[in-house]
Amino acid sequence: MRHSLFVLLCILALLGGCQTTQVRHLASDAALIKPGQTTVKEMQKYLGEPNGRREVSPGVSEYVYYEDRPGMFGDMPVLGSMTGPTGYEMIVVTVGNDVVTNCEFRTYSQSDRKWMEDFTWDQELQ
């Protein structure tokens, strides 16, 4: 019984290396964008289609690229679907006149909001 359980755990651990979906690395992709030089066509060639787009002002747009960061077992075929993401990564690209004017990489984790759990909200402002 112990031997078969050990073999099963080893197989599951080895299957963790089997990746079938394409992986985006937003941090390294953001480094390809050069504000003031990169055009919108080049940006879309490097990053692909954005997850969101909005008009900030006439002639100025923001493009958002978003990717969940998987948890410890997030890449495993069976266990990955049972675990949720531990956070997410985001690139916000500001474009004016078809040229990138600003590119920001942001990363968020679930632990970013832990401070709210022990903060005393009933303190009076001085």
C-alpha atoms as a PDB file:
ATOM      1  CA  MET A   1       0.000   0.000   0.000  1.00  0.00           C
ATOM      2  CA  ARG A   2       2.753   2.466   0.913  1.00  0.00           C
ATOM      3  CA  HIS A   3       4.723   1.564  -2.187  1.00  0.00           C
ATOM      4  CA  SER A   4       1.795   2.275  -4.529  1.00  0.00           C
ATOM      5  CA  LEU A   5       1.037   5.572  -2.739  1.00  0.00           C
ATOM      6  CA  PHE A   6       4.682   6.586  -3.107  1.00  0.00           C
ATOM      7  CA  VAL A   7       4.629   5.716  -6.823  1.00  0.00           C
ATOM      8  CA  LEU A   8       1.418   7.708  -7.306  1.00  0.00           C
ATOM      9  CA  LEU A   9       2.927  10.773  -5.613  1.00  0.00           C
ATOM     10  CA  CYS A  10       6.057  10.483  -7.755  1.00  0.00           C
ATOM     11  CA  ILE A  11       3.966  10.312 -10.922  1.00  0.00           C
ATOM     12  CA  LEU A  12       1.988  13.386  -9.896  1.00  0.00           C
ATOM     13  CA  ALA A  13       5.203  15.272  -9.172  1.00  0.00           C
ATOM     14  CA  LEU A  14       6.627  14.330 -12.570  1.00  0.00           C
ATOM     15  CA  LEU A  15       3.441  15.379 -14.340  1.00  0.00           C
ATOM     16  CA  GLY A  16       3.928  18.844 -12.892  1.00  0.00           C
ATOM     17  CA  GLY A  17       6.582  19.426 -15.530  1.00  0.00           C
ATOM     18  CA  CYS A  18       4.156  18.705 -18.368  1.00  0.00           C
ATOM     19  CA  GLN A  19       2.951  22.103 -19.561  1.00  0.00           C
ATOM     20  CA  THR A  20       0.443  22.189 -22.399  1.00  0.00           C
ATOM     21  CA  THR A  21      -0.542  25.847 -22.397  1.00  0.00           C
ATOM     22  CA  GLN A  22       1.595  28.703 -23.630  1.00  0.00           C
ATOM     23  CA  VAL A  23       3.148  30.702 -20.807  1.00  0.00           C
ATOM     24  CA  ARG A  24       3.348  34.489 -20.918  1.00  0.00           C
ATOM     25  CA  HIS A  25       6.131  36.185 -19.008  1.00  0.00           C
ATOM     26  CA  LEU A  26       4.818  39.699 -18.591  1.00  0.00           C
ATOM     27  CA  ALA A  27       7.862  40.973 -16.704  1.00  0.00           C
ATOM     28  CA  SER A  28      10.254  40.160 -19.549  1.00  0.00           C
ATOM     29  CA  ASP A  29       7.692  41.225 -22.164  1.00  0.00           C
ATOM     30  CA  ALA A  30       7.429  44.661 -20.525  1.00  0.00           C
ATOM     31  CA  ALA A  31      11.184  45.095 -20.932  1.00  0.00           C
ATOM     32  CA  LEU A  32      10.746  44.934 -24.726  1.00  0.00           C
ATOM     33  CA  ILE A  33       8.633  48.106 -24.710  1.00  0.00           C
ATOM     34  CA  LYS A  34      10.622  51.349 -24.974  1.00  0.00           C
ATOM     35  CA  PRO A  35       8.580  54.494 -24.215  1.00  0.00           C
ATOM     36  CA  GLY A  36       9.009  57.103 -26.920  1.00  0.00           C
ATOM     37  CA  GLN A  37      10.277  54.536 -29.456  1.00  0.00           C
ATOM     38  CA  THR A  38       7.882  51.569 -29.606  1.00  0.00           C
ATOM     39  CA  THR A  39       4.847  51.902 -31.878  1.00  0.00           C
ATOM     40  CA  VAL A  40       1.436  50.312 -31.273  1.00  0.00           C
ATOM     41  CA  LYS A  41       2.063  47.691 -33.968  1.00  0.00           C
ATOM     42  CA  GLU A  42       5.390  46.710 -32.376  1.00  0.00           C
ATOM     43  CA  MET A  43       3.754  46.587 -28.931  1.00  0.00           C
ATOM     44  CA  GLN A  44       1.049  44.233 -30.191  1.00  0.00           C
ATOM     45  CA  LYS A  45       3.681  42.113 -31.929  1.00  0.00           C
ATOM     46  CA  TYR A  46       5.583  41.714 -28.632  1.00  0.00           C
ATOM     47  CA  LEU A  47       2.648  41.416 -26.231  1.00  0.00           C
ATOM     48  CA  GLY A  48      -0.213  40.164 -28.410  1.00  0.00           C
ATOM     49  CA  GLU A  49      -3.800  41.316 -28.082  1.00  0.00           C
ATOM     50  CA  PRO A  50      -4.511  43.248 -24.875  1.00  0.00           C
ATOM     51  CA  ASN A  51      -6.932  42.040 -22.222  1.00  0.00           C
ATOM     52  CA  GLY A  52      -8.427  45.524 -22.030  1.00  0.00           C
ATOM     53  CA  ARG A  53      -8.258  48.963 -23.608  1.00  0.00           C
ATOM     54  CA  ARG A  54      -9.652  52.350 -22.640  1.00  0.00           C
ATOM     55  CA  GLU A  55      -9.510  55.909 -23.892  1.00  0.00           C
ATOM     56  CA  VAL A  56      -7.924  58.175 -21.272  1.00  0.00           C
ATOM     57  CA  SER A  57      -8.258  61.384 -23.289  1.00  0.00           C
ATOM     58  CA  PRO A  58      -8.536  62.257 -26.994  1.00  0.00           C
ATOM     59  CA  GLY A  59      -5.623  60.566 -28.737  1.00  0.00           C
ATOM     60  CA  VAL A  60      -4.387  58.790 -25.575  1.00  0.00           C
ATOM     61  CA  SER A  61      -5.220  55.148 -24.810  1.00  0.00           C
ATOM     62  CA  GLU A  62      -4.273  52.641 -22.129  1.00  0.00           C
ATOM     63  CA  TYR A  63      -3.764  48.984 -22.951  1.00  0.00           C
ATOM     64  CA  VAL A  64      -3.877  46.411 -20.158  1.00  0.00           C
ATOM     65  CA  TYR A  65      -2.231  42.989 -20.271  1.00  0.00           C
ATOM     66  CA  TYR A  66      -3.192  40.687 -17.411  1.00  0.00           C
ATOM     67  CA  GLU A  67      -2.011  37.251 -16.275  1.00  0.00           C
ATOM     68  CA  ASP A  68      -2.855  35.215 -13.162  1.00  0.00           C
ATOM     69  CA  ARG A  69       0.076  33.870 -11.163  1.00  0.00           C
ATOM     70  CA  PRO A  70      -0.569  30.221 -10.377  1.00  0.00           C
ATOM     71  CA  GLY A  71      -0.126  28.855  -6.879  1.00  0.00           C
ATOM     72  CA  MET A  72       2.329  26.185  -5.806  1.00  0.00           C
ATOM     73  CA  PHE A  73       0.507  23.397  -7.651  1.00  0.00           C
ATOM     74  CA  GLY A  74      -1.023  25.658 -10.323  1.00  0.00           C
ATOM     75  CA  ASP A  75       1.011  24.182 -13.186  1.00  0.00           C
ATOM     76  CA  MET A  76       0.180  20.557 -12.403  1.00  0.00           C
ATOM     77  CA  PRO A  77      -2.369  18.965 -14.743  1.00  0.00           C
ATOM     78  CA  VAL A  78      -4.774  17.581 -12.122  1.00  0.00           C
ATOM     79  CA  LEU A  79      -4.135  19.703  -9.054  1.00  0.00           C
ATOM     80  CA  GLY A  80      -3.760  22.969 -10.961  1.00  0.00           C
ATOM     81  CA  SER A  81      -7.462  23.286 -11.698  1.00  0.00           C
ATOM     82  CA  MET A  82      -8.279  22.763  -8.008  1.00  0.00           C
ATOM     83  CA  THR A  83      -6.037  25.567  -6.739  1.00  0.00           C
ATOM     84  CA  GLY A  84      -6.624  29.240  -7.298  1.00  0.00           C
ATOM     85  CA  PRO A  85      -4.135  31.904  -8.293  1.00  0.00           C
ATOM     86  CA  THR A  86      -1.890  33.486  -5.664  1.00  0.00           C
ATOM     87  CA  GLY A  87      -2.036  36.853  -7.386  1.00  0.00           C
ATOM     88  CA  TYR A  88      -1.664  38.430 -10.772  1.00  0.00           C
ATOM     89  CA  GLU A  89       0.672  40.440 -12.951  1.00  0.00           C
ATOM     90  CA  MET A  90      -0.303  43.371 -15.102  1.00  0.00           C
ATOM     91  CA  ILE A  91       1.250  45.627 -17.717  1.00  0.00           C
ATOM     92  CA  VAL A  92      -0.373  49.016 -18.285  1.00  0.00           C
ATOM     93  CA  VAL A  93       0.817  50.667 -21.499  1.00  0.00           C
ATOM     94  CA  THR A  94      -0.104  54.278 -22.269  1.00  0.00           C
ATOM     95  CA  VAL A  95      -0.140  55.190 -25.957  1.00  0.00           C
ATOM     96  CA  GLY A  96      -0.371  58.628 -27.525  1.00  0.00           C
ATOM     97  CA  ASN A  97      -0.269  59.289 -31.286  1.00  0.00           C
ATOM     98  CA  ASP A  98       0.475  55.593 -31.998  1.00  0.00           C
ATOM     99  CA  VAL A  99       3.669  55.668 -29.887  1.00  0.00           C
ATOM    100  CA  VAL A 100       4.085  54.212 -26.392  1.00  0.00           C
ATOM    101  CA  THR A 101       4.518  57.011 -23.846  1.00  0.00           C
ATOM    102  CA  ASN A 102       4.585  54.940 -20.641  1.00  0.00           C
ATOM    103  CA  CYS A 103       4.820  51.265 -19.680  1.00  0.00           C
ATOM    104  CA  GLU A 104       4.267  50.032 -16.121  1.00  0.00           C
ATOM    105  CA  PHE A 105       4.618  46.486 -14.817  1.00  0.00           C
ATOM    106  CA  ARG A 106       2.630  45.727 -11.672  1.00  0.00           C
ATOM    107  CA  THR A 107       2.382  42.613  -9.568  1.00  0.00           C
ATOM    108  CA  TYR A 108      -0.187  41.844  -6.890  1.00  0.00           C
ATOM    109  CA  SER A 109      -0.519  38.998  -4.423  1.00  0.00           C
ATOM    110  CA  GLN A 110      -3.236  37.916  -2.029  1.00  0.00           C
ATOM    111  CA  SER A 111      -1.027  38.867   0.911  1.00  0.00           C
ATOM    112  CA  ASP A 112      -1.080  42.550  -0.146  1.00  0.00           C
ATOM    113  CA  ARG A 113      -4.352  43.023   1.726  1.00  0.00           C
ATOM    114  CA  LYS A 114      -3.454  41.090   4.895  1.00  0.00           C
ATOM    115  CA  TRP A 115      -2.881  44.359   6.768  1.00  0.00           C
ATOM    116  CA  MET A 116      -6.651  44.974   6.667  1.00  0.00           C
ATOM    117  CA  GLU A 117      -7.312  41.967   8.896  1.00  0.00           C
ATOM    118  CA  ASP A 118      -5.512  43.311  11.972  1.00  0.00           C
ATOM    119  CA  PHE A 119      -5.956  47.046  11.401  1.00  0.00           C
ATOM    120  CA  THR A 120      -8.200  48.737  13.957  1.00  0.00           C
ATOM    121  CA  TRP A 121     -10.705  50.618  11.864  1.00  0.00           C
ATOM    122  CA  ASP A 122     -12.409  52.362  14.779  1.00  0.00           C
ATOM    123  CA  GLN A 123      -9.528  54.714  15.589  1.00  0.00           C
ATOM    124  CA  GLU A 124     -10.424  58.385  15.579  1.00  0.00           C
ATOM    125  CA  LEU A 125      -8.524  60.737  13.351  1.00  0.00           C
ATOM    126  CA  GLN A 126      -6.522  63.319  15.286  1.00  0.00           C
END
